[in-house]
Amino acid sequence: NLLKSGLIAKKSDKGITWEDRFCAITKTKFLYWYEYKNYKQNKQPLGKFKLKDISSVQTIGDLKLSKKNAFSITVNQWFKKD
């Protein structure tokens, strides 16, 4: 059921720093963990959302960003680990 997986740089909740996370995309969901070993150990993901809940995807055009291929995903509903 896994379509794609690998490392991403995710902007922190406070929007100040970038954090590396391991992510996985299935046919219906986007999920992410602290690192690959958490995924392999079947630990609960840090966050997840259903692909059908995506309302927009936009490139981030900030020239100050040092990240290539940066984009923002807006979802109607997502779940974050407590």
N, C-alpha and C. Protein backbone atom coordinates (compact mmCIF):
# COMPACT_ATOMS: atom_id res chain seq x y z
N ASN A 1 0.81 -1.20 0.00
CA ASN A 1 0.00 0.00 0.00
C ASN A 1 0.86 1.27 0.00
N LEU A 2 2.14 1.14 0.32
CA LEU A 2 3.06 2.27 0.35
C LEU A 2 3.42 2.70 -1.06
N LEU A 3 3.21 3.99 -1.39
CA LEU A 3 3.53 4.50 -2.72
C LEU A 3 4.91 5.15 -2.75
N LYS A 4 5.25 5.88 -1.68
CA LYS A 4 6.51 6.61 -1.63
C LYS A 4 6.88 6.87 -0.19
N SER A 5 8.19 6.88 0.11
CA SER A 5 8.63 7.22 1.46
C SER A 5 10.02 7.85 1.38
N GLY A 6 10.37 8.58 2.42
CA GLY A 6 11.68 9.20 2.47
C GLY A 6 11.70 10.38 3.42
N LEU A 7 12.85 11.06 3.47
CA LEU A 7 13.02 12.20 4.36
C LEU A 7 12.45 13.47 3.75
N ILE A 8 11.83 14.28 4.61
CA ILE A 8 11.39 15.61 4.23
C ILE A 8 11.91 16.59 5.29
N ALA A 9 11.97 17.83 4.95
CA ALA A 9 12.25 18.89 5.92
C ALA A 9 10.92 19.58 6.19
N LYS A 10 10.45 19.47 7.43
CA LYS A 10 9.16 20.02 7.82
C LYS A 10 9.39 21.26 8.66
N LYS A 11 8.65 22.31 8.37
CA LYS A 11 8.77 23.52 9.18
C LYS A 11 8.16 23.25 10.55
N SER A 12 8.82 23.73 11.59
CA SER A 12 8.34 23.51 12.96
C SER A 12 6.97 24.13 13.17
N ASP A 13 6.28 23.70 14.20
CA ASP A 13 4.94 24.22 14.48
C ASP A 13 4.96 25.73 14.70
N LYS A 14 6.04 26.24 15.25
CA LYS A 14 6.15 27.68 15.48
C LYS A 14 6.65 28.41 14.24
N GLY A 15 7.00 27.65 13.21
CA GLY A 15 7.40 28.25 11.94
C GLY A 15 8.78 28.89 11.94
N ILE A 16 9.63 28.49 12.89
CA ILE A 16 10.94 29.12 13.01
C ILE A 16 12.05 28.27 12.39
N THR A 17 12.01 26.98 12.63
CA THR A 17 13.09 26.10 12.17
C THR A 17 12.54 25.00 11.26
N TRP A 18 13.45 24.34 10.55
CA TRP A 18 13.11 23.18 9.73
C TRP A 18 13.60 21.94 10.44
N GLU A 19 12.77 20.89 10.44
CA GLU A 19 13.09 19.64 11.11
C GLU A 19 12.98 18.48 10.12
N ASP A 20 13.99 17.61 10.08
CA ASP A 20 13.92 16.43 9.21
C ASP A 20 12.95 15.42 9.79
N ARG A 21 12.11 14.89 8.95
CA ARG A 21 11.14 13.87 9.34
C ARG A 21 11.09 12.79 8.27
N PHE A 22 10.78 11.57 8.68
CA PHE A 22 10.56 10.48 7.73
C PHE A 22 9.08 10.46 7.40
N CYS A 23 8.75 10.45 6.12
CA CYS A 23 7.34 10.45 5.74
C CYS A 23 7.03 9.27 4.83
N ALA A 24 5.75 8.94 4.78
CA ALA A 24 5.26 7.87 3.92
C ALA A 24 3.95 8.32 3.30
N ILE A 25 3.78 7.98 2.03
CA ILE A 25 2.54 8.29 1.33
C ILE A 25 1.94 6.97 0.85
N THR A 26 0.70 6.74 1.23
CA THR A 26 -0.04 5.57 0.76
C THR A 26 -1.07 6.06 -0.26
N LYS A 27 -1.93 5.19 -0.71
CA LYS A 27 -2.97 5.59 -1.65
C LYS A 27 -3.94 6.59 -1.04
N THR A 28 -4.06 6.58 0.30
CA THR A 28 -5.06 7.44 0.93
C THR A 28 -4.52 8.41 1.98
N LYS A 29 -3.25 8.23 2.44
CA LYS A 29 -2.77 9.05 3.56
C LYS A 29 -1.34 9.54 3.37
N PHE A 30 -1.03 10.63 4.08
CA PHE A 30 0.32 11.14 4.25
C PHE A 30 0.61 11.05 5.74
N LEU A 31 1.72 10.39 6.11
CA LEU A 31 2.07 10.19 7.51
C LEU A 31 3.53 10.57 7.73
N TYR A 32 3.88 11.02 8.94
CA TYR A 32 5.30 11.29 9.23
C TYR A 32 5.67 10.96 10.67
N TRP A 33 6.94 10.59 10.83
CA TRP A 33 7.54 10.19 12.11
C TRP A 33 8.82 10.99 12.33
N TYR A 34 9.37 10.91 13.55
CA TYR A 34 10.65 11.56 13.81
C TYR A 34 11.72 11.03 12.87
N GLU A 35 11.79 9.71 12.74
CA GLU A 35 12.83 9.11 11.91
C GLU A 35 12.39 7.75 11.40
N TYR A 36 13.16 7.21 10.47
CA TYR A 36 12.86 5.94 9.80
C TYR A 36 12.65 4.80 10.80
N LYS A 37 13.48 4.73 11.84
CA LYS A 37 13.36 3.61 12.78
C LYS A 37 12.00 3.60 13.49
N ASN A 38 11.40 4.78 13.71
CA ASN A 38 10.07 4.83 14.32
C ASN A 38 9.02 4.22 13.39
N TYR A 39 9.19 4.47 12.11
CA TYR A 39 8.30 3.88 11.09
C TYR A 39 8.46 2.36 11.07
N LYS A 40 9.71 1.90 11.03
CA LYS A 40 9.97 0.46 10.98
C LYS A 40 9.49 -0.27 12.23
N GLN A 41 9.46 0.43 13.37
CA GLN A 41 9.01 -0.17 14.62
C GLN A 41 7.49 -0.05 14.80
N ASN A 42 6.81 0.38 13.73
CA ASN A 42 5.35 0.54 13.75
C ASN A 42 4.85 1.45 14.87
N LYS A 43 5.64 2.48 15.18
CA LYS A 43 5.21 3.45 16.20
C LYS A 43 4.16 4.37 15.59
N GLN A 44 3.36 4.96 16.46
CA GLN A 44 2.33 5.90 16.02
C GLN A 44 2.99 7.09 15.33
N PRO A 45 2.48 7.52 14.18
CA PRO A 45 3.09 8.67 13.50
C PRO A 45 2.90 9.96 14.31
N LEU A 46 3.80 10.91 14.09
CA LEU A 46 3.66 12.22 14.74
C LEU A 46 2.46 12.97 14.19
N GLY A 47 2.23 12.80 12.91
CA GLY A 47 1.11 13.47 12.26
C GLY A 47 0.67 12.72 11.03
N LYS A 48 -0.56 12.94 10.64
CA LYS A 48 -1.08 12.28 9.44
C LYS A 48 -2.32 13.02 8.96
N PHE A 49 -2.59 12.88 7.67
CA PHE A 49 -3.82 13.39 7.12
C PHE A 49 -4.20 12.56 5.90
N LYS A 50 -5.48 12.59 5.59
CA LYS A 50 -5.98 11.87 4.42
C LYS A 50 -5.73 12.75 3.18
N LEU A 51 -5.29 12.14 2.11
CA LEU A 51 -5.02 12.88 0.88
C LEU A 51 -6.27 13.57 0.36
N LYS A 52 -7.43 12.97 0.57
CA LYS A 52 -8.68 13.59 0.11
C LYS A 52 -9.00 14.88 0.87
N ASP A 53 -8.34 15.11 2.02
CA ASP A 53 -8.57 16.32 2.81
C ASP A 53 -7.67 17.48 2.40
N ILE A 54 -6.81 17.27 1.40
CA ILE A 54 -5.95 18.36 0.92
C ILE A 54 -6.81 19.37 0.18
N SER A 55 -6.73 20.64 0.60
CA SER A 55 -7.50 21.67 -0.09
C SER A 55 -6.62 22.49 -1.03
N SER A 56 -5.29 22.54 -0.76
CA SER A 56 -4.40 23.23 -1.69
C SER A 56 -2.95 22.82 -1.45
N VAL A 57 -2.16 22.93 -2.52
CA VAL A 57 -0.71 22.73 -2.47
C VAL A 57 -0.11 23.90 -3.23
N GLN A 58 0.81 24.62 -2.56
CA GLN A 58 1.41 25.80 -3.19
C GLN A 58 2.91 25.80 -2.99
N THR A 59 3.63 26.24 -4.00
CA THR A 59 5.07 26.40 -3.83
C THR A 59 5.31 27.60 -2.91
N ILE A 60 6.42 27.55 -2.20
CA ILE A 60 6.79 28.64 -1.32
C ILE A 60 7.82 29.48 -2.05
N GLY A 61 7.48 30.71 -2.35
CA GLY A 61 8.34 31.56 -3.16
C GLY A 61 9.25 32.48 -2.37
N ASP A 62 9.54 32.17 -1.12
CA ASP A 62 10.40 33.00 -0.29
C ASP A 62 11.86 32.79 -0.66
N LEU A 63 12.53 33.81 -1.14
CA LEU A 63 13.92 33.67 -1.56
C LEU A 63 14.87 33.45 -0.39
N LYS A 64 14.42 33.73 0.83
CA LYS A 64 15.27 33.53 2.01
C LYS A 64 15.38 32.06 2.39
N LEU A 65 14.46 31.24 1.86
CA LEU A 65 14.49 29.81 2.18
C LEU A 65 15.69 29.15 1.53
N SER A 66 16.35 28.32 2.28
CA SER A 66 17.48 27.57 1.72
C SER A 66 17.03 26.20 1.23
N LYS A 67 15.74 25.95 1.29
CA LYS A 67 15.21 24.65 0.89
C LYS A 67 14.78 24.67 -0.57
N LYS A 68 15.20 23.68 -1.32
CA LYS A 68 14.77 23.56 -2.71
C LYS A 68 13.43 22.83 -2.73
N ASN A 69 12.64 23.14 -3.71
CA ASN A 69 11.35 22.46 -3.91
C ASN A 69 10.44 22.56 -2.69
N ALA A 70 10.44 23.69 -2.01
CA ALA A 70 9.59 23.88 -0.82
C ALA A 70 8.15 24.13 -1.25
N PHE A 71 7.23 23.54 -0.50
CA PHE A 71 5.81 23.74 -0.79
C PHE A 71 5.02 23.69 0.50
N SER A 72 3.83 24.21 0.44
CA SER A 72 2.92 24.24 1.58
C SER A 72 1.68 23.42 1.23
N ILE A 73 1.25 22.58 2.16
CA ILE A 73 0.04 21.78 1.99
C ILE A 73 -1.00 22.28 2.99
N THR A 74 -2.17 22.60 2.50
CA THR A 74 -3.28 22.99 3.37
C THR A 74 -4.28 21.85 3.37
N VAL A 75 -4.64 21.40 4.57
CA VAL A 75 -5.61 20.31 4.69
C VAL A 75 -6.77 20.74 5.56
N ASN A 76 -7.92 20.13 5.30
CA ASN A 76 -9.13 20.46 6.08
C ASN A 76 -9.05 19.87 7.49
N GLN A 77 -8.40 18.73 7.61
CA GLN A 77 -8.32 18.07 8.92
C GLN A 77 -7.07 17.21 8.95
N TRP A 78 -6.26 17.37 10.02
CA TRP A 78 -5.10 16.51 10.18
C TRP A 78 -4.98 16.15 11.65
N PHE A 79 -4.30 15.07 11.90
CA PHE A 79 -4.17 14.54 13.24
C PHE A 79 -2.72 14.61 13.67
N LYS A 80 -2.52 15.11 14.88
CA LYS A 80 -1.17 15.21 15.43
C LYS A 80 -1.12 14.43 16.73
N LYS A 81 -0.02 13.70 16.89
CA LYS A 81 0.19 12.91 18.11
C LYS A 81 0.25 13.84 19.32
N ASP A 82 -0.41 13.44 20.39
CA ASP A 82 -0.41 14.28 21.62
C ASP A 82 0.96 14.39 22.21
